[in-house]
Amino acid sequence: GLDQCQAQYVARQDADDLSTVTRLEIEKRFLDDRPDTAMCGTGMYVINSEGKLMMEINDRPCAYSIIRETLKTCCVFVHGSVMFRKSAVIDVGKYSPDPQYKHAEDYELWIRLAKDYVVENIPGKTLYYHRDHASKIGHVYQSQQDTASRLIMELAKRTLTNPFTTKPIPQIGRAHV
């Protein structure tokens, strides 16, 4: 898990999804160029179970101030597309084991990260291929995920208030992905 990771950056990817060959390089450069940014994400291509392209989704907000507001109504990050600073995720308590957030633990973590740190989507970049199939978590557990998401939206409305200030990124780990 995260505690065994030796790198300062952690890239997420679901086992049945794909990334472009340049994804890690682009996300690392984005974070290197923005030392106050704790996490970045990208748009996604949706592919079917055979790998055929179905659509591109690259309309997520990119600016931190807009992301903070939008997180109050929906999750603006593609979980499998994100790269984050390990130190910031550890600082906010990592993924929550709270069962009320089951199947939406990523969204809840993004709220806690956005409360204290800059989080962004990379403008104009689609670097992740999300495989859509009947057995994915979002389909199998849609009802539980919807319930958890409603709770997380309420949490975001209470947590992501204005005006906001961010914390400096804690420095731990190695200087490579």
Protein backbone atom coordinates (compact mmCIF):
# COMPACT_ATOMS: atom_id res chain seq x y z
CA GLY A 1 0.00 0.00 0.00
CA LEU A 2 0.81 3.65 0.28
CA ASP A 3 3.00 3.15 3.36
CA GLN A 4 5.36 0.90 1.38
CA CYS A 5 5.65 3.36 -1.51
CA GLN A 6 9.13 4.90 -1.66
CA ALA A 7 8.40 7.61 -4.24
CA GLN A 8 7.11 11.10 -3.59
CA TYR A 9 4.45 10.73 -6.31
CA VAL A 10 1.83 8.00 -6.58
CA ALA A 11 -0.06 7.34 -9.81
CA ARG A 12 -3.42 5.53 -9.66
CA GLN A 13 -4.72 3.19 -12.30
CA ASP A 14 -7.42 0.55 -12.25
CA ALA A 15 -6.24 -2.94 -13.22
CA ASP A 16 -8.45 -3.22 -16.31
CA ASP A 17 -7.81 0.30 -17.63
CA LEU A 18 -4.99 1.74 -19.74
CA SER A 19 -2.89 4.91 -19.87
CA THR A 20 -1.09 6.64 -22.70
CA VAL A 21 2.64 5.98 -22.79
CA THR A 22 3.30 9.63 -21.84
CA ARG A 23 0.85 9.89 -18.93
CA LEU A 24 3.32 9.48 -16.06
CA GLU A 25 5.86 11.82 -17.63
CA ILE A 26 3.26 14.54 -18.25
CA GLU A 27 1.72 14.28 -14.78
CA LYS A 28 5.13 14.25 -13.06
CA ARG A 29 6.22 17.31 -15.02
CA PHE A 30 2.95 19.05 -14.13
CA LEU A 31 3.53 18.41 -10.40
CA ASP A 32 7.24 19.27 -10.63
CA ASP A 33 6.31 22.61 -12.22
CA ARG A 34 3.71 23.28 -9.49
CA PRO A 35 5.26 22.56 -6.09
CA ASP A 36 2.09 23.73 -4.31
CA THR A 37 -0.17 21.30 -6.20
CA ALA A 38 -0.89 18.08 -4.30
CA MET A 39 -2.71 16.17 -7.03
CA CYS A 40 -3.45 16.29 -10.73
CA GLY A 41 -5.84 14.36 -12.92
CA THR A 42 -6.72 14.19 -16.60
CA GLY A 43 -9.58 13.56 -18.93
CA MET A 44 -10.42 10.05 -20.05
CA TYR A 45 -11.25 8.03 -23.07
CA VAL A 46 -14.07 5.56 -22.42
CA ILE A 47 -13.47 2.20 -24.08
CA ASN A 48 -15.69 -0.88 -24.14
CA SER A 49 -14.72 -4.33 -22.87
CA GLU A 50 -13.03 -5.10 -26.22
CA GLY A 51 -10.99 -1.89 -26.08
CA LYS A 52 -12.98 0.00 -28.73
CA LEU A 53 -13.13 3.77 -28.21
CA MET A 54 -16.64 4.92 -27.25
CA MET A 55 -16.07 8.58 -26.29
CA GLU A 56 -13.67 11.14 -24.85
CA ILE A 57 -14.50 13.04 -21.67
CA ASN A 58 -12.27 16.06 -21.22
CA ASP A 59 -14.59 18.68 -19.81
CA ARG A 60 -13.60 18.51 -16.14
CA PRO A 61 -12.72 21.79 -14.45
CA CYS A 62 -9.00 22.48 -14.18
CA ALA A 63 -8.65 25.56 -11.95
CA TYR A 64 -8.45 24.91 -8.21
CA SER A 65 -11.08 27.51 -7.25
CA ILE A 66 -13.59 26.00 -9.72
CA ILE A 67 -12.73 22.46 -8.64
CA ARG A 68 -13.42 23.36 -5.00
CA GLU A 69 -16.88 24.61 -5.92
CA THR A 70 -17.69 21.78 -8.31
CA LEU A 71 -16.67 19.09 -5.79
CA LYS A 72 -19.75 20.18 -3.82
CA THR A 73 -21.99 18.72 -6.54
CA CYS A 74 -19.93 15.95 -8.20
CA CYS A 75 -16.57 14.25 -8.35
CA VAL A 76 -14.40 16.07 -10.88
CA PHE A 77 -11.47 13.64 -10.93
CA VAL A 78 -11.13 10.38 -12.83
CA HIS A 79 -9.74 8.22 -10.02
CA GLY A 80 -7.53 6.09 -12.24
CA SER A 81 -6.04 9.16 -13.92
CA VAL A 82 -4.67 10.94 -10.86
CA MET A 83 -1.13 11.36 -9.63
CA PHE A 84 -0.69 12.72 -6.14
CA ARG A 85 2.03 13.65 -3.69
CA LYS A 86 2.27 10.84 -1.19
CA SER A 87 3.08 13.28 1.63
CA ALA A 88 -0.13 15.29 1.13
CA VAL A 89 -2.35 12.18 1.05
CA ILE A 90 -0.68 10.86 4.22
CA ASP A 91 -1.12 14.29 5.83
CA VAL A 92 -4.91 14.21 5.27
CA GLY A 93 -5.22 10.62 6.52
CA LYS A 94 -5.09 8.51 3.31
CA TYR A 95 -8.15 6.75 1.91
CA SER A 96 -10.90 6.53 4.52
CA PRO A 97 -11.87 3.10 5.88
CA ASP A 98 -15.26 4.53 6.91
CA PRO A 99 -17.92 2.16 5.51
CA GLN A 100 -20.29 5.04 4.70
CA TYR A 101 -17.88 6.07 1.90
CA LYS A 102 -17.44 2.55 0.49
CA HIS A 103 -17.16 2.57 -3.31
CA ALA A 104 -16.58 6.35 -3.28
CA GLU A 105 -13.48 6.53 -1.06
CA ASP A 106 -11.61 8.44 -3.74
CA TYR A 107 -14.18 11.25 -3.88
CA GLU A 108 -14.08 11.63 -0.10
CA LEU A 109 -10.26 11.77 -0.17
CA TRP A 110 -10.35 14.47 -2.86
CA ILE A 111 -12.54 16.60 -0.54
CA ARG A 112 -10.00 16.35 2.26
CA LEU A 113 -7.12 17.08 -0.14
CA ALA A 114 -8.93 20.07 -1.70
CA LYS A 115 -9.62 21.50 1.76
CA ASP A 116 -5.91 21.92 2.50
CA TYR A 117 -4.09 21.64 -0.82
CA VAL A 118 -4.28 22.71 -4.44
CA VAL A 119 -5.73 19.96 -6.66
CA GLU A 120 -6.02 20.37 -10.43
CA ASN A 121 -6.90 18.66 -13.66
CA ILE A 122 -4.36 19.15 -16.44
CA PRO A 123 -5.95 21.38 -19.10
CA GLY A 124 -6.49 19.77 -22.48
CA LYS A 125 -4.97 16.42 -21.56
CA THR A 126 -6.69 13.07 -22.00
CA LEU A 127 -4.20 10.44 -20.85
CA TYR A 128 -6.34 7.65 -19.43
CA TYR A 129 -8.48 4.90 -20.98
CA HIS A 130 -11.37 3.88 -18.72
CA ARG A 131 -12.85 0.50 -19.59
CA ASP A 132 -16.64 0.45 -19.29
CA HIS A 133 -18.08 -2.99 -18.59
CA ALA A 134 -20.95 -4.53 -16.61
CA SER A 135 -18.77 -5.82 -13.76
CA LYS A 136 -17.02 -2.55 -12.86
CA ILE A 137 -17.57 -1.20 -9.34
CA GLY A 138 -19.58 1.78 -10.58
CA HIS A 139 -22.15 -0.53 -12.15
CA VAL A 140 -22.22 -3.37 -9.62
CA TYR A 141 -22.42 -1.06 -6.59
CA GLN A 142 -24.13 1.95 -8.17
CA SER A 143 -26.71 2.31 -5.39
CA GLN A 144 -24.09 2.28 -2.60
CA GLN A 145 -21.84 4.59 -4.61
CA ASP A 146 -24.70 7.04 -5.16
CA THR A 147 -25.55 7.02 -1.44
CA ALA A 148 -21.92 7.58 -0.48
CA SER A 149 -21.58 10.35 -3.08
CA ARG A 150 -24.57 12.22 -1.64
CA LEU A 151 -22.95 12.09 1.82
CA ILE A 152 -19.65 13.29 0.35
CA MET A 153 -21.36 16.20 -1.44
CA GLU A 154 -22.78 17.32 1.91
CA LEU A 155 -19.34 16.94 3.47
CA ALA A 156 -17.88 19.07 0.66
CA LYS A 157 -20.47 21.81 1.22
CA ARG A 158 -19.49 21.97 4.90
CA THR A 159 -15.74 21.58 4.33
CA LEU A 160 -14.85 23.52 1.19
CA THR A 161 -15.84 26.97 2.36
CA ASN A 162 -14.56 30.34 1.23
CA PRO A 163 -12.27 32.11 1.74
CA PHE A 164 -9.73 29.30 1.64
CA THR A 165 -6.03 28.96 2.34
CA THR A 166 -3.76 26.08 1.51
CA LYS A 167 -0.94 24.43 3.43
CA PRO A 168 2.58 23.86 2.16
CA ILE A 169 3.21 20.32 0.89
CA PRO A 170 5.00 18.14 3.50
CA GLN A 171 8.39 16.98 2.22
CA ILE A 172 8.97 13.22 2.47
CA GLY A 173 9.92 10.43 0.07
CA ARG A 174 12.25 10.27 -2.91
CA ALA A 175 12.38 12.71 -5.80
CA HIS A 176 11.08 10.29 -8.44
CA VAL A 177 7.84 8.60 -9.39
